Amino acid sequence: MKITKTMLKEEIKTLHKAASLHAKYSISQYKQVLDTLEKLEEEKQLLEKKVKLRTSHLEHEIAQKEDLANKLQQLAQYDQLTKLANRYLFLSELELIHKEAQLLKKPFSLLFIDLDGFKLINDTYGHEIGDELLKKVAKKIRNIVRKDDMVARLGGDEFTIILRNLDSNEKLKHISTMIIDSIQEAFLIDELEIYVGASIGIYRYNNDEDSFQDIISKADIAMYEAKKAGKGRYIFFDESMQKELQRHISMKQKIKNAVNEGKFVNYFQPIISSKDHKIKGAEVLLRFQDDQVLVPPAIFIPILEEDIHLIQNVTYWQIQTIMHLLDKTDIFYSVNISAKLLNFDLVQMLEELIEKNTFDPSLIFFEVTETSLLENIALASKILSKIQEMGFNFSLDDFGTGYSSLAYLKELSFNTLKIDKKFLDDANKSVKNKKLLQSIINMAKVLEMKIVLEGIETQQQLSLFRKSQRIKLQGFFFYKPLPQDEFLQVLSKEK
């Protein structure tokens, strides 16, 4: 086929047209690609922003969870009030140290600390002051021991210290003395000077057979021995304490059962007039019989006082017994009140008795000792005043065996002074002693207090007093403590 000029022109025109279209479409496609790339870039930036935001949220959540985990660990392992290790962390640490001691023969010791008089602080000033006191005590203990020693608060006013690589008696004595002396110093809280003490039980690890629970128990036993010995001191554990504790636990259970089953009995020791030797009153004495043998009050009274409910129940029962006797007799009765009961619960208990019963409260005397008052004279003064306003009386028992402060004799209002038999025993030994006894009697009269002399056992002691002195006497020379039936028979015969 012959290609003409016209055909070439047309072909060129067609090619130009195709090229134009191709260019047009290429530019359009290029623009589309650019648009797509731009959108992708925007989406990428948006996605990066979202990823960054999500990462920030995740980091915040992780930080929150870590913070929560730390707080949970603090709650689980540390006491929130004092910031010391708590019981859980203490037990875990003691178990590890115990295993280490067994395997590597590394020594360690445990101090068990209990504050003396802390409950009274709480009852008197409130829990806020008590909490502040615990924080200050914790800080003092922490500052005395080494950094590696664990100090823990087990709860209440109980603290423990684990002393690693330390079993020297002298060093343990030194540390314990420092702690006791430091805690006995005044604490200034809300412009109040607060005083508290500490008793410490010390356990030195020297027996692979002791479990870590045994170790705690033995340190605790030693601490209670320190309390029994007079408080404000330390005592090392020895095995004889364990046997004594077992006897104590056995006796405590018997006493609890006796309270619940009503097996305590009252004995009555008459109080007579020096003028005519007639019975004017009687002291009600609590007695407990175990297997047909009378248990001394020095054994069972402290056990009763360990549980406030036990001593409350027994005292309540004694007062009710006296109320019933007041209907049958015309004398007064005195009953001993534990220091543990000198609080507003006693006031409430007596108010309820007066509301529910008809009796003359002036015929009931509550006997308290000097030492029971010294723990908190301000509180004791309020309690005595409240109870005396109801018509009851108070006797200061065993005068002369404690501090015998004339200041609190003036501050506290007593109806009767019971002079301890020690003064009576000494009176016949010298003129000076006799004059001292007479001076105490004269002082009581000046303070308008009635007088009871305890422990009259001989005619020689009785001869010290003139009938005109109008004092009351009590002792084996006249009557021993008698069971209730025998006492009522004596009263009946005297009439």
Protein backbone atom coordinates (compact mmCIF):
# COMPACT_ATOMS: atom_id res chain seq x y z
CA MET A 1 0.00 0.00 0.00
CA LYS A 2 1.24 3.41 -1.04
CA ILE A 3 1.64 5.81 1.87
CA THR A 4 0.64 9.27 0.94
CA LYS A 5 1.51 12.57 2.47
CA THR A 6 -2.03 12.96 3.66
CA MET A 7 -1.91 9.65 5.43
CA LEU A 8 1.28 10.67 7.19
CA LYS A 9 -0.29 13.89 8.35
CA GLU A 10 -3.27 12.02 9.68
CA GLU A 11 -1.02 9.52 11.43
CA ILE A 12 1.01 12.33 12.97
CA LYS A 13 -2.19 14.07 14.04
CA THR A 14 -3.41 10.82 15.61
CA LEU A 15 -0.11 10.37 17.42
CA HIS A 16 -0.22 13.97 18.67
CA LYS A 17 -3.73 13.40 19.91
CA ALA A 18 -2.72 10.14 21.60
CA ALA A 19 0.31 11.78 23.15
CA SER A 20 -1.84 14.64 24.38
CA LEU A 21 -4.34 12.26 25.91
CA HIS A 22 -1.55 10.19 27.47
CA ALA A 23 0.03 13.27 28.99
CA LYS A 24 -3.34 14.44 30.23
CA TYR A 25 -4.07 11.09 31.83
CA SER A 26 -0.52 10.76 33.20
CA ILE A 27 -0.79 14.13 34.91
CA SER A 28 -4.19 13.15 36.28
CA GLN A 29 -2.82 9.86 37.53
CA TYR A 30 0.19 11.65 38.98
CA LYS A 31 -2.12 14.06 40.77
CA GLN A 32 -4.13 11.09 42.05
CA VAL A 33 -0.96 9.44 43.27
CA LEU A 34 0.10 12.67 44.96
CA ASP A 35 -3.34 12.97 46.56
CA THR A 36 -3.17 9.37 47.68
CA LEU A 37 0.31 9.87 49.11
CA GLU A 38 -0.86 13.01 50.87
CA LYS A 39 -3.82 11.15 52.37
CA LEU A 40 -1.58 8.31 53.39
CA GLU A 41 0.78 10.79 55.04
CA GLU A 42 -2.13 12.35 56.90
CA GLU A 43 -3.37 8.93 57.94
CA LYS A 44 0.16 8.02 58.99
CA GLN A 45 0.45 11.16 61.12
CA LEU A 46 -2.97 10.53 62.61
CA LEU A 47 -2.04 6.94 63.32
CA GLU A 48 1.29 7.99 64.86
CA LYS A 49 -0.59 10.49 67.00
CA LYS A 50 -3.01 7.78 68.11
CA VAL A 51 -0.14 5.38 68.78
CA LYS A 52 1.71 8.05 70.76
CA LEU A 53 -1.44 8.88 72.74
CA ARG A 54 -2.15 5.21 73.39
CA THR A 55 1.48 4.64 74.40
CA SER A 56 1.22 7.57 76.80
CA HIS A 57 -1.98 6.09 78.23
CA LEU A 58 -0.35 2.70 78.57
CA GLU A 59 2.71 4.20 80.25
CA HIS A 60 0.40 6.06 82.66
CA GLU A 61 -1.58 2.89 83.36
CA ILE A 62 1.65 0.95 83.94
CA ALA A 63 2.92 3.68 86.28
CA GLN A 64 -0.43 3.64 88.12
CA LYS A 65 -0.31 -0.13 88.44
CA GLU A 66 3.27 0.00 89.69
CA ASP A 67 2.27 2.71 92.19
CA LEU A 68 -0.74 0.63 93.25
CA ALA A 69 1.49 -2.44 93.59
CA ASN A 70 3.89 -0.42 95.77
CA LYS A 71 0.99 0.84 97.88
CA LEU A 72 -0.42 -2.68 98.20
CA GLN A 73 3.02 -3.89 99.24
CA GLN A 74 3.18 -1.08 101.81
CA LEU A 75 -0.26 -2.05 103.11
CA ALA A 76 0.65 -5.72 103.15
CA GLN A 77 4.08 -5.38 104.76
CA TYR A 78 4.18 -2.11 106.72
CA ASP A 79 2.22 -0.64 109.59
CA GLN A 80 0.42 2.45 108.27
CA LEU A 81 0.61 4.37 111.54
CA THR A 82 4.29 3.99 112.46
CA LYS A 83 5.67 3.00 109.00
CA LEU A 84 7.48 0.09 110.69
CA ALA A 85 7.31 -3.47 109.43
CA ASN A 86 3.99 -5.10 110.29
CA ARG A 87 3.29 -8.59 111.69
CA TYR A 88 3.31 -10.22 108.23
CA LEU A 89 6.70 -8.84 107.21
CA PHE A 90 8.11 -9.51 110.68
CA LEU A 91 7.06 -13.17 110.58
CA SER A 92 8.49 -13.60 107.05
CA GLU A 93 11.82 -12.02 108.07
CA LEU A 94 12.04 -14.02 111.30
CA GLU A 95 11.40 -17.26 109.42
CA LEU A 96 14.23 -16.47 106.97
CA ILE A 97 16.66 -15.47 109.73
CA HIS A 98 15.75 -18.60 111.69
CA LYS A 99 16.54 -20.83 108.69
CA GLU A 100 19.79 -18.92 108.16
CA ALA A 101 20.72 -19.48 111.80
CA GLN A 102 20.01 -23.21 111.50
CA LEU A 103 22.04 -23.64 108.31
CA LEU A 104 24.91 -21.19 108.83
CA LYS A 105 24.96 -21.04 112.65
CA LYS A 106 24.57 -17.27 112.58
CA PRO A 107 23.40 -15.84 115.93
CA PHE A 108 20.45 -13.53 116.37
CA SER A 109 18.21 -12.22 119.16
CA LEU A 110 14.63 -11.07 119.46
CA LEU A 111 13.32 -8.29 121.71
CA PHE A 112 9.59 -8.24 122.50
CA ILE A 113 8.49 -4.80 123.77
CA ASP A 114 5.18 -3.88 125.39
CA LEU A 115 4.39 -0.37 126.60
CA ASP A 116 3.48 0.11 130.27
CA GLY A 117 0.42 2.26 130.90
CA PHE A 118 -0.52 2.80 127.25
CA LYS A 119 -4.18 1.80 127.72
CA LEU A 120 -4.52 4.43 130.42
CA ILE A 121 -3.17 7.07 128.02
CA ASN A 122 -5.75 6.05 125.40
CA ASP A 123 -8.59 6.03 127.93
CA THR A 124 -7.59 9.38 129.40
CA TYR A 125 -6.54 11.45 126.38
CA GLY A 126 -8.17 9.62 123.46
CA HIS A 127 -6.90 7.58 120.51
CA GLU A 128 -5.45 10.54 118.59
CA ILE A 129 -2.98 11.22 121.40
CA GLY A 130 -2.39 7.47 121.72
CA ASP A 131 -1.61 7.15 118.00
CA GLU A 132 0.77 10.09 118.10
CA LEU A 133 2.52 8.52 121.08
CA LEU A 134 2.96 5.23 119.19
CA LYS A 135 4.56 7.09 116.26
CA LYS A 136 7.01 8.84 118.57
CA VAL A 137 7.86 5.61 120.40
CA ALA A 138 8.47 3.85 117.06
CA LYS A 139 10.83 6.63 115.98
CA LYS A 140 12.80 6.41 119.24
CA ILE A 141 13.22 2.64 118.94
CA ARG A 142 14.23 2.91 115.28
CA ASN A 143 16.89 5.51 116.14
CA ILE A 144 18.47 3.31 118.84
CA VAL A 145 19.04 0.10 116.86
CA ARG A 146 21.16 -0.49 113.74
CA LYS A 147 19.85 0.11 110.20
CA ASP A 148 19.91 -3.61 109.39
CA ASP A 149 17.87 -4.55 112.47
CA MET A 150 14.18 -5.03 111.79
CA VAL A 151 11.81 -3.09 114.03
CA ALA A 152 8.16 -4.11 113.73
CA ARG A 153 4.85 -3.17 115.28
CA LEU A 154 2.80 -6.30 115.85
CA GLY A 155 -0.33 -4.35 116.78
CA GLY A 156 -1.60 -2.23 119.67
CA ASP A 157 1.36 -1.22 121.81
CA GLU A 158 3.53 -4.27 121.02
CA PHE A 159 6.83 -3.92 119.16
CA THR A 160 9.54 -6.41 118.20
CA ILE A 161 13.18 -6.05 117.15
CA ILE A 162 15.18 -8.70 115.29
CA LEU A 163 18.88 -8.20 116.01
CA ARG A 164 21.05 -9.99 113.43
CA ASN A 165 24.44 -11.44 114.38
CA LEU A 166 23.98 -10.37 117.97
CA ASP A 167 23.67 -12.61 121.02
CA SER A 168 25.99 -10.92 123.53
CA ASN A 169 24.24 -10.56 126.89
CA GLU A 170 25.99 -7.29 127.63
CA LYS A 171 25.06 -5.73 124.29
CA LEU A 172 21.45 -6.91 124.62
CA LYS A 173 21.28 -5.43 128.12
CA HIS A 174 22.74 -2.15 126.83
CA ILE A 175 20.25 -1.88 123.93
CA SER A 176 17.29 -2.80 126.17
CA THR A 177 18.32 -0.25 128.81
CA MET A 178 18.63 2.46 126.16
CA ILE A 179 15.14 1.67 124.84
CA ILE A 180 13.55 1.64 128.31
CA ASP A 181 15.27 4.87 129.38
CA SER A 182 14.36 6.62 126.12
CA ILE A 183 10.68 5.62 126.30
CA GLN A 184 10.42 6.68 129.96
CA GLU A 185 11.30 10.26 129.03
CA ALA A 186 8.38 12.69 128.67
CA PHE A 187 6.66 12.87 125.27
CA LEU A 188 5.32 16.32 124.38
CA ILE A 189 2.07 15.89 122.41
CA ASP A 190 -0.40 18.75 121.87
CA GLU A 191 1.24 20.67 124.74
CA LEU A 192 0.71 17.67 127.04
CA GLU A 193 3.54 15.88 128.81
CA ILE A 194 2.79 12.19 128.34
CA TYR A 195 4.64 9.51 130.30
CA VAL A 196 4.75 5.84 129.41
CA GLY A 197 7.10 2.94 130.15
CA ALA A 198 8.27 -0.26 128.48
CA SER A 199 8.81 -3.88 129.48
CA ILE A 200 11.08 -6.04 127.32
CA GLY A 201 11.41 -9.80 126.92
CA ILE A 202 14.70 -10.99 125.38
CA TYR A 203 15.22 -14.26 123.49
CA ARG A 204 18.73 -15.33 122.38
CA TYR A 205 18.73 -18.02 119.69
CA ASN A 206 20.64 -21.03 120.97
CA ASN A 207 18.42 -24.00 120.22
CA ASP A 208 17.94 -25.46 116.74
CA GLU A 209 14.83 -27.27 117.96
CA ASP A 210 12.93 -24.02 118.53
CA SER A 211 10.60 -23.14 115.66
CA PHE A 212 10.29 -19.47 114.79
CA GLN A 213 6.82 -19.56 116.41
CA ASP A 214 8.49 -20.87 119.60
CA ILE A 215 10.93 -17.98 119.46
CA ILE A 216 8.11 -15.40 119.42
CA SER A 217 6.29 -17.21 122.22
CA LYS A 218 9.39 -17.34 124.43
CA ALA A 219 10.23 -13.66 123.91
CA ASP A 220 6.59 -12.87 124.74
CA ILE A 221 6.75 -14.99 127.92
CA ALA A 222 9.90 -13.15 129.04
CA MET A 223 8.17 -9.82 128.41
CA TYR A 224 5.25 -10.81 130.67
CA GLU A 225 7.72 -11.88 133.33
CA ALA A 226 9.19 -8.36 133.11
CA LYS A 227 5.66 -6.97 133.61
CA LYS A 228 5.07 -9.21 136.60
CA ALA A 229 8.43 -8.21 138.11
CA GLY A 230 7.34 -4.56 138.27
CA LYS A 231 7.41 -3.23 134.66
CA GLY A 232 9.98 -0.84 133.21
CA ARG A 233 12.64 -3.56 132.92
CA TYR A 234 13.98 -6.33 130.68
CA ILE A 235 14.19 -10.07 131.36
CA PHE A 236 15.94 -12.85 129.43
CA PHE A 237 13.91 -15.96 128.68
CA ASP A 238 14.80 -19.20 130.41
CA GLU A 239 13.08 -22.59 130.19
CA SER A 240 11.64 -22.42 133.72
CA MET A 241 9.36 -19.64 132.45
CA GLN A 242 7.75 -22.07 130.00
CA LYS A 243 6.68 -24.41 132.81
CA GLU A 244 5.41 -21.48 134.85
CA LEU A 245 3.40 -20.29 131.84
CA GLN A 246 1.81 -23.73 131.43
CA ARG A 247 0.78 -23.68 135.10
CA HIS A 248 -0.52 -20.14 134.66
CA ILE A 249 -2.59 -21.11 131.59
CA SER A 250 -4.02 -24.11 133.43
CA MET A 251 -4.97 -21.99 136.46
CA LYS A 252 -6.43 -19.27 134.21
CA GLN A 253 -8.74 -21.80 132.57
CA LYS A 254 -9.87 -23.08 135.97
CA ILE A 255 -10.57 -19.52 137.10
CA LYS A 256 -12.55 -18.74 133.93
CA ASN A 257 -14.62 -21.86 134.47
CA ALA A 258 -15.15 -20.92 138.14
CA VAL A 259 -16.43 -17.45 137.14
CA ASN A 260 -18.78 -18.88 134.51
CA GLU A 261 -20.04 -21.63 136.83
CA GLY A 262 -20.38 -19.38 139.91
CA LYS A 263 -17.81 -21.26 141.98
CA PHE A 264 -16.20 -18.26 143.66
CA VAL A 265 -17.24 -17.68 147.27
CA ASN A 266 -17.23 -14.70 149.60
CA TYR A 267 -15.64 -14.78 153.03
CA PHE A 268 -16.36 -12.07 155.60
CA GLN A 269 -13.90 -10.68 158.15
CA PRO A 270 -15.70 -8.62 160.81
CA ILE A 271 -14.61 -5.06 161.59
CA ILE A 272 -15.27 -4.11 165.22
CA SER A 273 -15.48 -0.97 167.33
CA SER A 274 -12.58 -0.23 169.66
CA LYS A 275 -15.09 1.07 172.19
CA ASP A 276 -17.27 -2.00 172.81
CA HIS A 277 -15.76 -4.63 170.45
CA LYS A 278 -19.11 -4.99 168.69
CA ILE A 279 -19.21 -5.85 164.98
CA LYS A 280 -19.82 -2.67 162.99
CA GLY A 281 -18.91 -3.91 159.54
CA ALA A 282 -17.15 -6.58 157.51
CA GLU A 283 -14.64 -6.78 154.69
CA VAL A 284 -15.86 -9.02 151.86
CA LEU A 285 -12.98 -11.21 150.68
CA LEU A 286 -13.05 -13.20 147.46
CA ARG A 287 -12.03 -16.86 147.69
CA PHE A 288 -11.47 -19.57 145.08
CA GLN A 289 -11.26 -23.28 145.80
CA ASP A 290 -9.42 -25.67 143.47
CA ASP A 291 -9.74 -29.40 144.25
CA GLN A 292 -10.88 -28.67 147.82
CA VAL A 293 -7.87 -26.39 148.39
CA LEU A 294 -8.23 -22.61 148.78
CA VAL A 295 -6.08 -20.81 146.21
CA PRO A 296 -4.32 -17.71 147.64
CA PRO A 297 -5.72 -14.37 146.34
CA ALA A 298 -2.16 -13.39 145.34
CA ILE A 299 -2.43 -16.09 142.65
CA PHE A 300 -5.98 -15.76 141.34
CA ILE A 301 -6.55 -11.96 141.61
CA PRO A 302 -3.81 -11.06 139.05
CA ILE A 303 -5.25 -13.70 136.68
CA LEU A 304 -8.74 -12.23 137.05
CA GLU A 305 -7.28 -8.78 136.32
CA GLU A 306 -5.78 -10.00 133.05
CA ASP A 307 -9.31 -10.13 131.62
CA ILE A 308 -11.34 -7.01 132.42
CA HIS A 309 -14.61 -8.90 131.89
CA LEU A 310 -13.69 -11.52 134.49
CA ILE A 311 -12.84 -9.00 137.22
CA GLN A 312 -15.92 -6.94 136.31
CA ASN A 313 -18.24 -9.96 136.60
CA VAL A 314 -16.79 -11.08 139.93
CA THR A 315 -16.91 -7.57 141.43
CA TYR A 316 -20.49 -7.09 140.20
CA TRP A 317 -21.45 -10.37 141.85
CA GLN A 318 -19.78 -9.32 145.12
CA ILE A 319 -21.67 -6.01 145.18
CA GLN A 320 -24.97 -7.80 144.50
CA THR A 321 -24.22 -10.18 147.41
CA ILE A 322 -23.67 -7.18 149.69
CA MET A 323 -26.95 -5.58 148.52
CA HIS A 324 -28.88 -8.72 149.52
CA LEU A 325 -27.12 -8.84 152.91
CA LEU A 326 -28.06 -5.22 153.64
CA ASP A 327 -31.68 -6.38 153.90
CA LYS A 328 -30.72 -8.90 156.62
CA THR A 329 -28.09 -6.98 158.62
CA ASP A 330 -27.46 -3.49 159.99
CA ILE A 331 -23.71 -3.16 159.43
CA PHE A 332 -21.54 -1.74 156.65
CA TYR A 333 -19.57 -3.80 154.12
CA SER A 334 -16.32 -3.05 152.34
CA VAL A 335 -15.18 -4.66 149.11
CA ASN A 336 -11.85 -4.39 147.31
CA ILE A 337 -11.89 -2.67 143.91
CA SER A 338 -9.22 -3.57 141.37
CA ALA A 339 -7.25 -0.71 139.80
CA LYS A 340 -8.42 -2.09 136.45
CA LEU A 341 -11.99 -1.10 137.35
CA LEU A 342 -11.29 2.53 138.26
CA ASN A 343 -12.94 3.89 135.14
CA PHE A 344 -16.32 5.19 134.01
CA ASP A 345 -17.59 1.64 133.35
CA LEU A 346 -17.66 1.19 137.14
CA VAL A 347 -19.65 4.42 137.48
CA GLN A 348 -22.17 3.17 134.91
CA MET A 349 -22.42 -0.25 136.58
CA LEU A 350 -23.20 1.33 139.97
CA GLU A 351 -25.73 3.73 138.44
CA GLU A 352 -27.58 0.74 136.96
CA LEU A 353 -27.54 -1.07 140.31
CA ILE A 354 -29.06 1.96 142.06
CA GLU A 355 -31.76 2.30 139.39
CA LYS A 356 -32.79 -1.36 139.61
CA ASN A 357 -32.50 -1.93 143.38
CA THR A 358 -33.44 -0.33 146.68
CA PHE A 359 -30.56 -0.20 149.18
CA ASP A 360 -28.51 2.26 151.20
CA PRO A 361 -25.24 2.94 149.26
CA SER A 362 -23.70 4.64 152.32
CA LEU A 363 -23.30 1.17 153.87
CA ILE A 364 -20.95 0.08 151.06
CA PHE A 365 -17.26 1.01 151.15
CA PHE A 366 -14.96 0.43 148.17
CA GLU A 367 -11.36 -0.27 149.18
CA VAL A 368 -8.60 0.93 146.83
CA THR A 369 -4.83 0.82 147.32
CA GLU A 370 -2.33 3.66 147.01
CA THR A 371 -0.52 2.10 144.05
CA SER A 372 -3.76 1.71 142.07
CA LEU A 373 -4.37 5.47 142.35
CA LEU A 374 -0.90 6.61 141.35
CA GLU A 375 -1.30 5.45 137.73
CA ASN A 376 -3.63 8.38 137.05
CA ILE A 377 -4.61 10.56 140.01
CA ALA A 378 -6.64 12.98 137.85
CA LEU A 379 -8.84 10.18 136.50
CA ALA A 380 -9.08 8.50 139.93
CA SER A 381 -10.26 11.77 141.47
CA LYS A 382 -13.09 12.07 138.93
CA ILE A 383 -14.16 8.45 139.42
CA LEU A 384 -14.12 8.69 143.24
CA SER A 385 -16.14 11.93 143.17
CA LYS A 386 -18.78 10.51 140.80
CA ILE A 387 -19.25 7.37 142.90
CA GLN A 388 -19.30 9.30 146.20
CA GLU A 389 -22.00 11.56 144.76
CA MET A 390 -24.18 8.44 144.47
CA GLY A 391 -23.76 7.86 148.21
CA PHE A 392 -21.05 5.18 148.24
CA ASN A 393 -17.88 5.48 150.35
CA PHE A 394 -14.20 4.91 149.66
CA SER A 395 -11.48 3.51 151.92
CA LEU A 396 -7.76 3.92 151.26
CA ASP A 397 -6.44 0.41 151.90
CA ASP A 398 -2.94 -0.62 153.09
CA PHE A 399 -1.96 2.97 153.91
CA GLY A 400 1.79 3.13 154.41
CA THR A 401 2.79 0.37 151.97
CA GLY A 402 2.93 2.65 148.93
CA TYR A 403 4.12 6.21 148.53
CA SER A 404 1.82 7.56 151.27
CA SER A 405 1.68 11.01 149.70
CA LEU A 406 -0.10 13.55 151.85
CA ALA A 407 -0.71 15.59 148.69
CA TYR A 408 -3.08 13.05 147.17
CA LEU A 409 -4.69 12.32 150.55
CA LYS A 410 -5.75 15.95 150.40
CA GLU A 411 -6.62 15.86 146.69
CA LEU A 412 -8.63 12.62 146.80
CA SER A 413 -11.61 12.43 149.10
CA PHE A 414 -11.57 9.26 151.23
CA ASN A 415 -14.12 8.36 153.89
CA THR A 416 -11.90 5.85 155.69
CA LEU A 417 -8.17 5.24 156.14
CA LYS A 418 -7.12 1.61 156.63
CA ILE A 419 -3.67 1.62 158.25
CA ASP A 420 -1.44 -1.26 157.22
CA LYS A 421 -0.55 -3.86 159.88
CA LYS A 422 3.17 -3.10 159.42
CA PHE A 423 2.76 0.04 161.57
CA LEU A 424 0.98 -2.04 164.17
CA ASP A 425 3.70 -4.71 164.17
CA ASP A 426 6.40 -2.05 164.67
CA ALA A 427 4.54 0.01 167.29
CA ASN A 428 5.64 -2.12 170.26
CA LYS A 429 9.27 -2.15 169.13
CA SER A 430 10.02 1.46 170.06
CA VAL A 431 8.46 4.65 171.40
CA LYS A 432 9.25 6.33 168.07
CA ASN A 433 7.24 3.75 166.12
CA LYS A 434 4.35 4.05 168.55
CA LYS A 435 4.33 7.83 168.15
CA LEU A 436 4.40 7.44 164.36
CA LEU A 437 1.29 5.24 164.47
CA GLN A 438 -0.48 7.71 166.74
CA SER A 439 0.49 10.56 164.40
CA ILE A 440 -1.11 8.77 161.45
CA ILE A 441 -4.30 8.28 163.49
CA ASN A 442 -4.33 11.97 164.46
CA MET A 443 -3.72 13.01 160.84
CA ALA A 444 -6.70 10.94 159.66
CA LYS A 445 -8.88 12.59 162.29
CA VAL A 446 -7.77 16.06 161.15
CA LEU A 447 -8.76 15.07 157.59
CA GLU A 448 -12.12 13.89 158.98
CA MET A 449 -11.50 10.31 157.93
CA LYS A 450 -12.67 7.25 159.82
CA ILE A 451 -9.90 4.83 160.82
CA VAL A 452 -9.59 1.06 160.55
CA LEU A 453 -6.52 -0.67 161.96
CA GLU A 454 -5.79 -3.95 160.18
CA GLY A 455 -3.93 -6.96 161.49
CA ILE A 456 -4.77 -7.00 165.21
CA GLU A 457 -3.45 -10.40 166.30
CA THR A 458 -2.43 -10.04 169.99
CA GLN A 459 -3.65 -8.53 173.23
CA GLN A 460 -0.44 -6.47 173.31
CA GLN A 461 -1.37 -4.83 169.99
CA LEU A 462 -4.90 -4.19 171.20
CA SER A 463 -3.62 -2.51 174.37
CA LEU A 464 -2.06 0.25 172.26
CA PHE A 465 -5.46 1.87 171.77
CA ARG A 466 -7.78 3.51 174.22
CA LYS A 467 -11.46 2.77 173.91
CA SER A 468 -12.10 6.48 173.72
CA GLN A 469 -10.23 6.77 170.40
CA ARG A 470 -13.29 5.55 168.50
CA ILE A 471 -11.41 3.68 165.83
CA LYS A 472 -12.36 0.38 164.22
CA LEU A 473 -10.26 -2.75 164.42
CA GLN A 474 -9.82 -5.80 162.22
CA GLY A 475 -7.72 -8.90 162.68
CA PHE A 476 -7.37 -12.55 163.67
CA PHE A 477 -7.43 -11.61 167.37
CA PHE A 478 -11.15 -11.05 166.93
CA TYR A 479 -12.21 -13.04 163.86
CA LYS A 480 -10.66 -14.83 160.93
CA PRO A 481 -12.41 -14.48 157.54
CA LEU A 482 -15.60 -16.57 157.74
CA PRO A 483 -17.82 -18.23 155.12
CA GLN A 484 -21.12 -16.37 154.71
CA ASP A 485 -23.27 -18.78 156.78
CA GLU A 486 -20.83 -18.76 159.71
CA PHE A 487 -20.55 -14.97 159.53
CA LEU A 488 -24.33 -14.54 159.69
CA GLN A 489 -24.47 -16.92 162.67
CA VAL A 490 -21.86 -14.80 164.49
CA LEU A 491 -23.90 -11.66 163.81
CA SER A 492 -27.07 -13.36 165.03
CA LYS A 493 -25.43 -14.50 168.28
CA GLU A 494 -24.04 -11.03 168.95
CA LYS A 495 -27.56 -9.57 168.75
